[in-house]
Amino acid sequence: MRCPHCKLENPETAVRCDCGYNFVNATLTRKSEKKYRNYAEVPWYRTSSTNSALVLFGLFCACSPLIIWTCINLATGDVYYERKDADGYLMTWSFANKIAAFVILALNIVVVLIVLANRLRR
């Protein structure tokens, strides 16, 4: 069957097209952001292993720039696990991880502003 959204030809048994169009309820269910089926296709900076290593290294070495880099990376897109969901796409870090990233970034911004304000008072 042909997808009415992207015109891709799909098997007759398909429930959803690669573009995210759901044939069952005729809606576009996926985000427009690219999803991956193969972990090797994911850019290195979007892999769970890389970001987890940066966070752990940042925590053990008190290197907050590595943690901030991961937070910015997560805030600007998905970070992918090697595991797949029921549709065969790679799973991503959860929404809770994104909230934690925004909180960490906000706290770092507050700390930087406090340090700058104290330096300007001198």
PDB file of N, CA and C in Angstrom:
ATOM      1  N   MET A   1       0.836  -1.181   0.000  1.00  0.00           N
ATOM      2  CA  MET A   1       0.000   0.000   0.000  1.00  0.00           C
ATOM      3  C   MET A   1       0.875   1.236   0.000  1.00  0.00           C
ATOM      4  N   ARG A   2       0.408   2.261  -0.621  1.00  0.00           N
ATOM      5  CA  ARG A   2       1.157   3.509  -0.743  1.00  0.00           C
ATOM      6  C   ARG A   2       0.779   4.450   0.397  1.00  0.00           C
ATOM      7  N   CYS A   3       1.795   5.039   1.040  1.00  0.00           N
ATOM      8  CA  CYS A   3       1.562   5.967   2.138  1.00  0.00           C
ATOM      9  C   CYS A   3       1.002   7.277   1.598  1.00  0.00           C
ATOM     10  N   PRO A   4      -0.110   7.755   2.136  1.00  0.00           N
ATOM     11  CA  PRO A   4      -0.674   9.016   1.668  1.00  0.00           C
ATOM     12  C   PRO A   4       0.143  10.234   2.096  1.00  0.00           C
ATOM     13  N   HIS A   5       1.015  10.052   3.081  1.00  0.00           N
ATOM     14  CA  HIS A   5       1.816  11.174   3.563  1.00  0.00           C
ATOM     15  C   HIS A   5       3.103  11.363   2.759  1.00  0.00           C
ATOM     16  N   CYS A   6       3.898  10.287   2.602  1.00  0.00           N
ATOM     17  CA  CYS A   6       5.197  10.404   1.924  1.00  0.00           C
ATOM     18  C   CYS A   6       5.265   9.676   0.588  1.00  0.00           C
ATOM     19  N   LYS A   7       4.210   8.944   0.250  1.00  0.00           N
ATOM     20  CA  LYS A   7       4.089   8.201  -1.019  1.00  0.00           C
ATOM     21  C   LYS A   7       4.995   6.973  -1.109  1.00  0.00           C
ATOM     22  N   LEU A   8       5.575   6.541   0.018  1.00  0.00           N
ATOM     23  CA  LEU A   8       6.405   5.344   0.036  1.00  0.00           C
ATOM     24  C   LEU A   8       5.527   4.104  -0.100  1.00  0.00           C
ATOM     25  N   GLU A   9       5.994   3.143  -0.871  1.00  0.00           N
ATOM     26  CA  GLU A   9       5.268   1.888  -1.034  1.00  0.00           C
ATOM     27  C   GLU A   9       5.583   0.985   0.164  1.00  0.00           C
ATOM     28  N   ASN A  10       4.561   0.511   0.860  1.00  0.00           N
ATOM     29  CA  ASN A  10       4.702  -0.313   2.055  1.00  0.00           C
ATOM     30  C   ASN A  10       4.047  -1.666   1.840  1.00  0.00           C
ATOM     31  N   PRO A  11       4.458  -2.692   2.611  1.00  0.00           N
ATOM     32  CA  PRO A  11       3.789  -3.989   2.515  1.00  0.00           C
ATOM     33  C   PRO A  11       2.321  -3.855   2.938  1.00  0.00           C
ATOM     34  N   GLU A  12       1.489  -4.716   2.431  1.00  0.00           N
ATOM     35  CA  GLU A  12       0.054  -4.671   2.758  1.00  0.00           C
ATOM     36  C   GLU A  12      -0.198  -4.879   4.248  1.00  0.00           C
ATOM     37  N   THR A  13       0.719  -5.558   4.927  1.00  0.00           N
ATOM     38  CA  THR A  13       0.540  -5.830   6.356  1.00  0.00           C
ATOM     39  C   THR A  13       1.074  -4.712   7.245  1.00  0.00           C
ATOM     40  N   ALA A  14       1.644  -3.658   6.665  1.00  0.00           N
ATOM     41  CA  ALA A  14       2.253  -2.579   7.451  1.00  0.00           C
ATOM     42  C   ALA A  14       1.207  -1.850   8.292  1.00  0.00           C
ATOM     43  N   VAL A  15       1.594  -1.556   9.511  1.00  0.00           N
ATOM     44  CA  VAL A  15       0.743  -0.785  10.410  1.00  0.00           C
ATOM     45  C   VAL A  15       1.144   0.684  10.359  1.00  0.00           C
ATOM     46  N   ARG A  16       2.449   0.923  10.143  1.00  0.00           N
ATOM     47  CA  ARG A  16       2.972   2.277  10.123  1.00  0.00           C
ATOM     48  C   ARG A  16       4.042   2.398   9.050  1.00  0.00           C
ATOM     49  N   CYS A  17       4.100   3.545   8.414  1.00  0.00           N
ATOM     50  CA  CYS A  17       5.119   3.834   7.406  1.00  0.00           C
ATOM     51  C   CYS A  17       6.372   4.360   8.102  1.00  0.00           C
ATOM     52  N   ASP A  18       7.512   4.328   7.431  1.00  0.00           N
ATOM     53  CA  ASP A  18       8.750   4.866   7.990  1.00  0.00           C
ATOM     54  C   ASP A  18       8.651   6.350   8.310  1.00  0.00           C
ATOM     55  N   CYS A  19       7.802   7.076   7.606  1.00  0.00           N
ATOM     56  CA  CYS A  19       7.645   8.514   7.865  1.00  0.00           C
ATOM     57  C   CYS A  19       6.837   8.773   9.129  1.00  0.00           C
ATOM     58  N   GLY A  20       6.181   7.738   9.671  1.00  0.00           N
ATOM     59  CA  GLY A  20       5.401   7.892  10.882  1.00  0.00           C
ATOM     60  C   GLY A  20       3.905   7.860  10.675  1.00  0.00           C
ATOM     61  N   TYR A  21       3.479   7.755   9.436  1.00  0.00           N
ATOM     62  CA  TYR A  21       2.038   7.703   9.179  1.00  0.00           C
ATOM     63  C   TYR A  21       1.489   6.361   9.656  1.00  0.00           C
ATOM     64  N   ASN A  22       0.429   6.414  10.458  1.00  0.00           N
ATOM     65  CA  ASN A  22      -0.192   5.217  11.004  1.00  0.00           C
ATOM     66  C   ASN A  22      -1.375   4.852  10.112  1.00  0.00           C
ATOM     67  N   PHE A  23      -1.311   3.686   9.468  1.00  0.00           N
ATOM     68  CA  PHE A  23      -2.374   3.261   8.548  1.00  0.00           C
ATOM     69  C   PHE A  23      -3.659   2.886   9.283  1.00  0.00           C
ATOM     70  N   VAL A  24      -3.545   2.493  10.552  1.00  0.00           N
ATOM     71  CA  VAL A  24      -4.712   2.045  11.305  1.00  0.00           C
ATOM     72  C   VAL A  24      -5.646   3.207  11.635  1.00  0.00           C
ATOM     73  N   ASN A  25      -5.064   4.280  12.191  1.00  0.00           N
ATOM     74  CA  ASN A  25      -5.920   5.403  12.567  1.00  0.00           C
ATOM     75  C   ASN A  25      -5.715   6.653  11.711  1.00  0.00           C
ATOM     76  N   ALA A  26      -4.969   6.514  10.618  1.00  0.00           N
ATOM     77  CA  ALA A  26      -4.758   7.593   9.637  1.00  0.00           C
ATOM     78  C   ALA A  26      -4.207   8.865  10.267  1.00  0.00           C
ATOM     79  N   THR A  27      -3.178   8.709  11.108  1.00  0.00           N
ATOM     80  CA  THR A  27      -2.534   9.871  11.717  1.00  0.00           C
ATOM     81  C   THR A  27      -1.023   9.779  11.561  1.00  0.00           C
ATOM     82  N   LEU A  28      -0.372  10.904  11.682  1.00  0.00           N
ATOM     83  CA  LEU A  28       1.077  10.960  11.669  1.00  0.00           C
ATOM     84  C   LEU A  28       1.517  10.917  13.125  1.00  0.00           C
ATOM     85  N   THR A  29       2.115   9.804  13.552  1.00  0.00           N
ATOM     86  CA  THR A  29       2.372   9.586  14.976  1.00  0.00           C
ATOM     87  C   THR A  29       3.803   9.837  15.402  1.00  0.00           C
ATOM     88  N   ARG A  30       4.751   9.749  14.496  1.00  0.00           N
ATOM     89  CA  ARG A  30       6.150   9.959  14.870  1.00  0.00           C
ATOM     90  C   ARG A  30       6.540  11.402  14.676  1.00  0.00           C
ATOM     91  N   LYS A  31       7.561  11.819  15.422  1.00  0.00           N
ATOM     92  CA  LYS A  31       8.129  13.137  15.223  1.00  0.00           C
ATOM     93  C   LYS A  31       8.825  13.159  13.866  1.00  0.00           C
ATOM     94  N   SER A  32       9.033  14.345  13.348  1.00  0.00           N
ATOM     95  CA  SER A  32       9.707  14.461  12.059  1.00  0.00           C
ATOM     96  C   SER A  32      11.208  14.198  12.174  1.00  0.00           C
ATOM     97  N   GLU A  33      11.736  14.176  13.419  1.00  0.00           N
ATOM     98  CA  GLU A  33      13.146  13.899  13.619  1.00  0.00           C
ATOM     99  C   GLU A  33      13.476  12.489  13.132  1.00  0.00           C
ATOM    100  N   LYS A  34      14.665  12.333  12.576  1.00  0.00           N
ATOM    101  CA  LYS A  34      15.049  11.045  12.024  1.00  0.00           C
ATOM    102  C   LYS A  34      15.133   9.981  13.110  1.00  0.00           C
ATOM    103  N   LYS A  35      14.590   8.817  12.820  1.00  0.00           N
ATOM    104  CA  LYS A  35      14.678   7.659  13.698  1.00  0.00           C
ATOM    105  C   LYS A  35      15.590   6.631  13.036  1.00  0.00           C
ATOM    106  N   TYR A  36      16.236   5.848  13.842  1.00  0.00           N
ATOM    107  CA  TYR A  36      17.188   4.870  13.327  1.00  0.00           C
ATOM    108  C   TYR A  36      16.737   3.452  13.638  1.00  0.00           C
ATOM    109  N   ARG A  37      17.093   2.533  12.735  1.00  0.00           N
ATOM    110  CA  ARG A  37      16.860   1.112  12.952  1.00  0.00           C
ATOM    111  C   ARG A  37      18.173   0.386  13.244  1.00  0.00           C
ATOM    112  N   ASN A  38      19.288   0.966  12.840  1.00  0.00           N
ATOM    113  CA  ASN A  38      20.599   0.342  12.992  1.00  0.00           C
ATOM    114  C   ASN A  38      21.489   1.253  13.836  1.00  0.00           C
ATOM    115  N   TYR A  39      22.022   0.719  14.912  1.00  0.00           N
ATOM    116  CA  TYR A  39      22.839   1.508  15.841  1.00  0.00           C
ATOM    117  C   TYR A  39      24.085   2.068  15.155  1.00  0.00           C
ATOM    118  N   ALA A  40      24.611   1.377  14.171  1.00  0.00           N
ATOM    119  CA  ALA A  40      25.811   1.835  13.462  1.00  0.00           C
ATOM    120  C   ALA A  40      25.545   3.104  12.656  1.00  0.00           C
ATOM    121  N   GLU A  41      24.287   3.403  12.344  1.00  0.00           N
ATOM    122  CA  GLU A  41      23.942   4.606  11.583  1.00  0.00           C
ATOM    123  C   GLU A  41      23.836   5.851  12.459  1.00  0.00           C
ATOM    124  N   VAL A  42      23.736   5.657  13.766  1.00  0.00           N
ATOM    125  CA  VAL A  42      23.569   6.782  14.689  1.00  0.00           C
ATOM    126  C   VAL A  42      24.884   7.532  14.802  1.00  0.00           C
ATOM    127  N   PRO A  43      24.860   8.883  14.685  1.00  0.00           N
ATOM    128  CA  PRO A  43      26.103   9.643  14.882  1.00  0.00           C
ATOM    129  C   PRO A  43      26.685   9.368  16.271  1.00  0.00           C
ATOM    130  N   TRP A  44      27.998   9.343  16.387  1.00  0.00           N
ATOM    131  CA  TRP A  44      28.654   8.964  17.636  1.00  0.00           C
ATOM    132  C   TRP A  44      28.190   9.803  18.815  1.00  0.00           C
ATOM    133  N   TYR A  45      27.910  11.076  18.589  1.00  0.00           N
ATOM    134  CA  TYR A  45      27.523  11.960  19.680  1.00  0.00           C
ATOM    135  C   TYR A  45      26.061  11.775  20.108  1.00  0.00           C
ATOM    136  N   ARG A  46      25.313  10.929  19.390  1.00  0.00           N
ATOM    137  CA  ARG A  46      23.922  10.627  19.744  1.00  0.00           C
ATOM    138  C   ARG A  46      23.754   9.219  20.312  1.00  0.00           C
ATOM    139  N   THR A  47      24.861   8.509  20.549  1.00  0.00           N
ATOM    140  CA  THR A  47      24.765   7.147  21.076  1.00  0.00           C
ATOM    141  C   THR A  47      24.736   7.172  22.606  1.00  0.00           C
ATOM    142  N   SER A  48      23.997   6.250  23.161  1.00  0.00           N
ATOM    143  CA  SER A  48      23.885   6.148  24.611  1.00  0.00           C
ATOM    144  C   SER A  48      25.238   5.833  25.249  1.00  0.00           C
ATOM    145  N   SER A  49      26.014   4.978  24.601  1.00  0.00           N
ATOM    146  CA  SER A  49      27.305   4.601  25.179  1.00  0.00           C
ATOM    147  C   SER A  49      28.236   5.802  25.306  1.00  0.00           C
ATOM    148  N   THR A  50      28.294   6.649  24.288  1.00  0.00           N
ATOM    149  CA  THR A  50      29.149   7.836  24.340  1.00  0.00           C
ATOM    150  C   THR A  50      28.681   8.801  25.418  1.00  0.00           C
ATOM    151  N   ASN A  51      27.391   9.089  25.448  1.00  0.00           N
ATOM    152  CA  ASN A  51      26.875  10.055  26.410  1.00  0.00           C
ATOM    153  C   ASN A  51      26.942   9.539  27.838  1.00  0.00           C
ATOM    154  N   SER A  52      26.709   8.255  28.026  1.00  0.00           N
ATOM    155  CA  SER A  52      26.839   7.679  29.369  1.00  0.00           C
ATOM    156  C   SER A  52      28.284   7.761  29.846  1.00  0.00           C
ATOM    157  N   ALA A  53      29.226   7.476  28.964  1.00  0.00           N
ATOM    158  CA  ALA A  53      30.642   7.557  29.322  1.00  0.00           C
ATOM    159  C   ALA A  53      31.040   8.989  29.683  1.00  0.00           C
ATOM    160  N   LEU A  54      30.534   9.962  28.928  1.00  0.00           N
ATOM    161  CA  LEU A  54      30.851  11.358  29.231  1.00  0.00           C
ATOM    162  C   LEU A  54      30.286  11.779  30.585  1.00  0.00           C
ATOM    163  N   VAL A  55      29.071  11.354  30.884  1.00  0.00           N
ATOM    164  CA  VAL A  55      28.471  11.695  32.176  1.00  0.00           C
ATOM    165  C   VAL A  55      29.249  11.049  33.316  1.00  0.00           C
ATOM    166  N   LEU A  56      29.554   9.770  33.185  1.00  0.00           N
ATOM    167  CA  LEU A  56      30.303   9.075  34.243  1.00  0.00           C
ATOM    168  C   LEU A  56      31.688   9.677  34.438  1.00  0.00           C
ATOM    169  N   PHE A  57      32.383   9.932  33.353  1.00  0.00           N
ATOM    170  CA  PHE A  57      33.710  10.540  33.442  1.00  0.00           C
ATOM    171  C   PHE A  57      33.602  11.927  34.071  1.00  0.00           C
ATOM    172  N   GLY A  58      32.582  12.682  33.664  1.00  0.00           N
ATOM    173  CA  GLY A  58      32.376  14.017  34.228  1.00  0.00           C
ATOM    174  C   GLY A  58      32.089  13.979  35.718  1.00  0.00           C
ATOM    175  N   LEU A  59      31.322  12.981  36.168  1.00  0.00           N
ATOM    176  CA  LEU A  59      31.021  12.865  37.597  1.00  0.00           C
ATOM    177  C   LEU A  59      32.240  12.460  38.402  1.00  0.00           C
ATOM    178  N   PHE A  60      32.990  11.472  37.919  1.00  0.00           N
ATOM    179  CA  PHE A  60      34.139  10.971  38.666  1.00  0.00           C
ATOM    180  C   PHE A  60      35.309  11.941  38.666  1.00  0.00           C
ATOM    181  N   CYS A  61      35.425  12.745  37.633  1.00  0.00           N
ATOM    182  CA  CYS A  61      36.563  13.666  37.528  1.00  0.00           C
ATOM    183  C   CYS A  61      36.164  15.111  37.828  1.00  0.00           C
ATOM    184  N   ALA A  62      34.928  15.313  38.269  1.00  0.00           N
ATOM    185  CA  ALA A  62      34.417  16.656  38.557  1.00  0.00           C
ATOM    186  C   ALA A  62      34.619  17.580  37.355  1.00  0.00           C
ATOM    187  N   CYS A  63      34.296  17.075  36.198  1.00  0.00           N
ATOM    188  CA  CYS A  63      34.461  17.830  34.949  1.00  0.00           C
ATOM    189  C   CYS A  63      33.071  18.177  34.409  1.00  0.00           C
ATOM    190  N   SER A  64      32.504  19.252  34.897  1.00  0.00           N
ATOM    191  CA  SER A  64      31.138  19.598  34.514  1.00  0.00           C
ATOM    192  C   SER A  64      30.963  19.920  33.024  1.00  0.00           C
ATOM    193  N   PRO A  65      31.990  20.395  32.291  1.00  0.00           N
ATOM    194  CA  PRO A  65      31.764  20.622  30.857  1.00  0.00           C
ATOM    195  C   PRO A  65      31.331  19.369  30.093  1.00  0.00           C
ATOM    196  N   LEU A  66      31.804  18.196  30.506  1.00  0.00           N
ATOM    197  CA  LEU A  66      31.383  16.962  29.839  1.00  0.00           C
ATOM    198  C   LEU A  66      29.911  16.675  30.101  1.00  0.00           C
ATOM    199  N   ILE A  67      29.484  16.927  31.329  1.00  0.00           N
ATOM    200  CA  ILE A  67      28.079  16.723  31.679  1.00  0.00           C
ATOM    201  C   ILE A  67      27.212  17.749  30.960  1.00  0.00           C
ATOM    202  N   ILE A  68      27.667  18.984  30.924  1.00  0.00           N
ATOM    203  CA  ILE A  68      26.917  20.037  30.228  1.00  0.00           C
ATOM    204  C   ILE A  68      26.808  19.714  28.746  1.00  0.00           C
ATOM    205  N   TRP A  69      27.895  19.193  28.155  1.00  0.00           N
ATOM    206  CA  TRP A  69      27.866  18.825  26.741  1.00  0.00           C
ATOM    207  C   TRP A  69      26.795  17.773  26.487  1.00  0.00           C
ATOM    208  N   THR A  70      26.718  16.772  27.361  1.00  0.00           N
ATOM    209  CA  THR A  70      25.704  15.728  27.219  1.00  0.00           C
ATOM    210  C   THR A  70      24.309  16.316  27.395  1.00  0.00           C
ATOM    211  N   CYS A  71      24.143  17.212  28.341  1.00  0.00           N
ATOM    212  CA  CYS A  71      22.831  17.849  28.557  1.00  0.00           C
ATOM    213  C   CYS A  71      22.398  18.642  27.335  1.00  0.00           C
ATOM    214  N   ILE A  72      23.310  19.394  26.756  1.00  0.00           N
ATOM    215  CA  ILE A  72      22.984  20.159  25.546  1.00  0.00           C
ATOM    216  C   ILE A  72      22.667  19.210  24.398  1.00  0.00           C
ATOM    217  N   ASN A  73      23.433  18.151  24.289  1.00  0.00           N
ATOM    218  CA  ASN A  73      23.194  17.154  23.255  1.00  0.00           C
ATOM    219  C   ASN A  73      21.799  16.551  23.393  1.00  0.00           C
ATOM    220  N   LEU A  74      21.419  16.206  24.610  1.00  0.00           N
ATOM    221  CA  LEU A  74      20.105  15.619  24.858  1.00  0.00           C
ATOM    222  C   LEU A  74      18.989  16.641  24.668  1.00  0.00           C
ATOM    223  N   ALA A  75      19.253  17.881  25.038  1.00  0.00           N
ATOM    224  CA  ALA A  75      18.240  18.927  24.880  1.00  0.00           C
ATOM    225  C   ALA A  75      17.978  19.264  23.415  1.00  0.00           C
ATOM    226  N   THR A  76      18.939  18.990  22.558  1.00  0.00           N
ATOM    227  CA  THR A  76      18.791  19.333  21.135  1.00  0.00           C
ATOM    228  C   THR A  76      18.396  18.165  20.246  1.00  0.00           C
ATOM    229  N   GLY A  77      18.205  16.996  20.837  1.00  0.00           N
ATOM    230  CA  GLY A  77      17.811  15.839  20.031  1.00  0.00           C
ATOM    231  C   GLY A  77      17.793  14.581  20.870  1.00  0.00           C
ATOM    232  N   ASP A  78      17.578  13.461  20.225  1.00  0.00           N
ATOM    233  CA  ASP A  78      17.498  12.185  20.929  1.00  0.00           C
ATOM    234  C   ASP A  78      18.863  11.532  21.085  1.00  0.00           C
ATOM    235  N   VAL A  79      18.998  10.750  22.145  1.00  0.00           N
ATOM    236  CA  VAL A  79      20.156   9.891  22.368  1.00  0.00           C
ATOM    237  C   VAL A  79      19.626   8.461  22.282  1.00  0.00           C
ATOM    238  N   TYR A  80      20.286   7.628  21.478  1.00  0.00           N
ATOM    239  CA  TYR A  80      19.759   6.310  21.126  1.00  0.00           C
ATOM    240  C   TYR A  80      20.437   5.166  21.866  1.00  0.00           C
ATOM    241  N   TYR A  81      19.612   4.234  22.357  1.00  0.00           N
ATOM    242  CA  TYR A  81      20.077   2.964  22.905  1.00  0.00           C
ATOM    243  C   TYR A  81      20.295   1.980  21.750  1.00  0.00           C
ATOM    244  N   GLU A  82      20.959   0.865  22.048  1.00  0.00           N
ATOM    245  CA  GLU A  82      21.091  -0.199  21.056  1.00  0.00           C
ATOM    246  C   GLU A  82      19.825  -1.046  20.984  1.00  0.00           C
ATOM    247  N   ARG A  83      18.957  -0.965  21.995  1.00  0.00           N
ATOM    248  CA  ARG A  83      17.712  -1.737  22.019  1.00  0.00           C
ATOM    249  C   ARG A  83      16.695  -1.148  21.044  1.00  0.00           C
ATOM    250  N   LYS A  84      15.826  -2.025  20.537  1.00  0.00           N
ATOM    251  CA  LYS A  84      14.791  -1.599  19.597  1.00  0.00           C
ATOM    252  C   LYS A  84      13.414  -1.674  20.230  1.00  0.00           C
ATOM    253  N   ASP A  85      12.502  -0.819  19.742  1.00  0.00           N
ATOM    254  CA  ASP A  85      11.120  -0.864  20.218  1.00  0.00           C
ATOM    255  C   ASP A  85      10.326  -1.874  19.393  1.00  0.00           C
ATOM    256  N   ALA A  86       9.038  -1.939  19.623  1.00  0.00           N
ATOM    257  CA  ALA A  86       8.190  -2.925  18.942  1.00  0.00           C
ATOM    258  C   ALA A  86       8.128  -2.705  17.435  1.00  0.00           C
ATOM    259  N   ASP A  87       8.359  -1.468  16.984  1.00  0.00           N
ATOM    260  CA  ASP A  87       8.333  -1.165  15.545  1.00  0.00           C
ATOM    261  C   ASP A  87       9.681  -1.366  14.862  1.00  0.00           C
ATOM    262  N   GLY A  88      10.695  -1.755  15.633  1.00  0.00           N
ATOM    263  CA  GLY A  88      12.015  -2.002  15.063  1.00  0.00           C
ATOM    264  C   GLY A  88      12.924  -0.783  15.049  1.00  0.00           C
ATOM    265  N   TYR A  89      12.487   0.324  15.654  1.00  0.00           N
ATOM    266  CA  TYR A  89      13.319   1.525  15.744  1.00  0.00           C
ATOM    267  C   TYR A  89      14.116   1.483  17.041  1.00  0.00           C
ATOM    268  N   LEU A  90      15.283   2.114  17.021  1.00  0.00           N
ATOM    269  CA  LEU A  90      16.092   2.174  18.234  1.00  0.00           C
ATOM    270  C   LEU A  90      15.376   3.011  19.287  1.00  0.00           C
ATOM    271  N   MET A  91      15.437   2.540  20.517  1.00  0.00           N
ATOM    272  CA  MET A  91      14.820   3.280  21.621  1.00  0.00           C
ATOM    273  C   MET A  91      15.696   4.474  21.981  1.00  0.00           C
ATOM    274  N   THR A  92      15.067   5.483  22.569  1.00  0.00           N
ATOM    275  CA  THR A  92      15.792   6.700  22.933  1.00  0.00           C
ATOM    276  C   THR A  92      15.716   6.933  24.434  1.00  0.00           C
ATOM    277  N   TRP A  93      16.601   7.805  24.913  1.00  0.00           N
ATOM    278  CA  TRP A  93      16.547   8.186  26.318  1.00  0.00           C
ATOM    279  C   TRP A  93      15.185   8.808  26.584  1.00  0.00           C
ATOM    280  N   SER A  94      14.703   8.648  27.774  1.00  0.00           N
ATOM    281  CA  SER A  94      13.331   9.047  28.114  1.00  0.00           C
ATOM    282  C   SER A  94      13.172  10.555  28.261  1.00  0.00           C
ATOM    283  N   PHE A  95      11.906  10.954  28.350  1.00  0.00           N
ATOM    284  CA  PHE A  95      11.569  12.355  28.580  1.00  0.00           C
ATOM    285  C   PHE A  95      12.105  12.819  29.942  1.00  0.00           C
ATOM    286  N   ALA A  96      12.140  11.914  30.906  1.00  0.00           N
ATOM    287  CA  ALA A  96      12.691  12.251  32.227  1.00  0.00           C
ATOM    288  C   ALA A  96      14.169  12.643  32.118  1.00  0.00           C
ATOM    289  N   ASN A  97      14.901  11.980  31.231  1.00  0.00           N
ATOM    290  CA  ASN A  97      16.301  12.353  31.005  1.00  0.00           C
ATOM    291  C   ASN A  97      16.398  13.774  30.449  1.00  0.00           C
ATOM    292  N   LYS A  98      15.475  14.128  29.552  1.00  0.00           N
ATOM    293  CA  LYS A  98      15.475  15.484  28.996  1.00  0.00           C
ATOM    294  C   LYS A  98      15.175  16.520  30.077  1.00  0.00           C
ATOM    295  N   ILE A  99      14.239  16.204  30.962  1.00  0.00           N
ATOM    296  CA  ILE A  99      13.924  17.124  32.066  1.00  0.00           C
ATOM    297  C   ILE A  99      15.143  17.294  32.966  1.00  0.00           C
ATOM    298  N   ALA A 100      15.803  16.190  33.292  1.00  0.00           N
ATOM    299  CA  ALA A 100      17.013  16.253  34.120  1.00  0.00           C
ATOM    300  C   ALA A 100      18.084  17.095  33.436  1.00  0.00           C
ATOM    301  N   ALA A 101      18.227  16.957  32.128  1.00  0.00           N
ATOM    302  CA  ALA A 101      19.211  17.739  31.387  1.00  0.00           C
ATOM    303  C   ALA A 101      18.901  19.233  31.472  1.00  0.00           C
ATOM    304  N   PHE A 102      17.629  19.599  31.321  1.00  0.00           N
ATOM    305  CA  PHE A 102      17.254  21.011  31.419  1.00  0.00           C
ATOM    306  C   PHE A 102      17.488  21.547  32.836  1.00  0.00           C
ATOM    307  N   VAL A 103      17.211  20.748  33.854  1.00  0.00           N
ATOM    308  CA  VAL A 103      17.445  21.176  35.237  1.00  0.00           C
ATOM    309  C   VAL A 103      18.936  21.385  35.471  1.00  0.00           C
ATOM    310  N   ILE A 104      19.762  20.451  35.023  1.00  0.00           N
ATOM    311  CA  ILE A 104      21.214  20.576  35.191  1.00  0.00           C
ATOM    312  C   ILE A 104      21.731  21.807  34.459  1.00  0.00           C
ATOM    313  N   LEU A 105      21.252  22.033  33.230  1.00  0.00           N
ATOM    314  CA  LEU A 105      21.673  23.222  32.487  1.00  0.00           C
ATOM    315  C   LEU A 105      21.240  24.504  33.197  1.00  0.00           C
ATOM    316  N   ALA A 106      20.004  24.521  33.700  1.00  0.00           N
ATOM    317  CA  ALA A 106      19.507  25.710  34.404  1.00  0.00           C
ATOM    318  C   ALA A 106      20.335  25.986  35.660  1.00  0.00           C
ATOM    319  N   LEU A 107      20.648  24.937  36.417  1.00  0.00           N
ATOM    320  CA  LEU A 107      21.465  25.121  37.621  1.00  0.00           C
ATOM    321  C   LEU A 107      22.852  25.648  37.276  1.00  0.00           C
ATOM    322  N   ASN A 108      23.439  25.139  36.209  1.00  0.00           N
ATOM    323  CA  ASN A 108      24.758  25.625  35.791  1.00  0.00           C
ATOM    324  C   ASN A 108      24.703  27.080  35.360  1.00  0.00           C
ATOM    325  N   ILE A 109      23.656  27.470  34.685  1.00  0.00           N
ATOM    326  CA  ILE A 109      23.507  28.869  34.272  1.00  0.00           C
ATOM    327  C   ILE A 109      23.370  29.765  35.496  1.00  0.00           C
ATOM    328  N   VAL A 110      22.594  29.333  36.476  1.00  0.00           N
ATOM    329  CA  VAL A 110      22.435  30.111  37.713  1.00  0.00           C
ATOM    330  C   VAL A 110      23.775  30.264  38.422  1.00  0.00           C
ATOM    331  N   VAL A 111      24.540  29.182  38.521  1.00  0.00           N
ATOM    332  CA  VAL A 111      25.853  29.249  39.171  1.00  0.00           C
ATOM    333  C   VAL A 111      26.769  30.218  38.436  1.00  0.00           C
ATOM    334  N   VAL A 112      26.788  30.154  37.117  1.00  0.00           N
ATOM    335  CA  VAL A 112      27.634  31.064  36.336  1.00  0.00           C
ATOM    336  C   VAL A 112      27.204  32.504  36.559  1.00  0.00           C
ATOM    337  N   LEU A 113      25.907  32.767  36.563  1.00  0.00           N
ATOM    338  CA  LEU A 113      25.415  34.132  36.790  1.00  0.00           C
ATOM    339  C   LEU A 113      25.776  34.628  38.188  1.00  0.00           C
ATOM    340  N   ILE A 114      25.692  33.771  39.194  1.00  0.00           N
ATOM    341  CA  ILE A 114      26.068  34.158  40.561  1.00  0.00           C
ATOM    342  C   ILE A 114      27.554  34.484  40.637  1.00  0.00           C
ATOM    343  N   VAL A 115      28.380  33.646  40.025  1.00  0.00           N
ATOM    344  CA  VAL A 115      29.828  33.890  40.026  1.00  0.00           C
ATOM    345  C   VAL A 115      30.145  35.201  39.308  1.00  0.00           C
ATOM    346  N   LEU A 116      29.517  35.440  38.172  1.00  0.00           N
ATOM    347  CA  LEU A 116      29.750  36.693  37.445  1.00  0.00           C
ATOM    348  C   LEU A 116      29.285  37.902  38.247  1.00  0.00           C
ATOM    349  N   ALA A 117      28.147  37.792  38.891  1.00  0.00           N
ATOM    350  CA  ALA A 117      27.629  38.903  39.698  1.00  0.00           C
ATOM    351  C   ALA A 117      28.569  39.201  40.863  1.00  0.00           C
ATOM    352  N   ASN A 118      29.108  38.168  41.501  1.00  0.00           N
ATOM    353  CA  ASN A 118      30.052  38.382  42.612  1.00  0.00           C
ATOM    354  C   ASN A 118      31.340  39.016  42.128  1.00  0.00           C
ATOM    355  N   ARG A 119      31.794  38.648  40.958  1.00  0.00           N
ATOM    356  CA  ARG A 119      33.036  39.250  40.422  1.00  0.00           C
ATOM    357  C   ARG A 119      32.825  40.712  40.041  1.00  0.00           C
ATOM    358  N   LEU A 120      31.648  41.039  39.558  1.00  0.00           N
ATOM    359  CA  LEU A 120      31.366  42.425  39.181  1.00  0.00           C
ATOM    360  C   LEU A 120      31.222  43.327  40.395  1.00  0.00           C
ATOM    361  N   ARG A 121      30.848  42.781  41.538  1.00  0.00           N
ATOM    362  CA  ARG A 121      30.706  43.579  42.773  1.00  0.00           C
ATOM    363  C   ARG A 121      32.050  43.987  43.350  1.00  0.00           C
ATOM    364  N   ARG A 122      33.086  43.268  43.046  1.00  0.00           N
ATOM    365  CA  ARG A 122      34.421  43.554  43.619  1.00  0.00           C
ATOM    366  C   ARG A 122      35.015  44.765  43.051  1.00  0.00           C
TER     367      ARG A 122
END
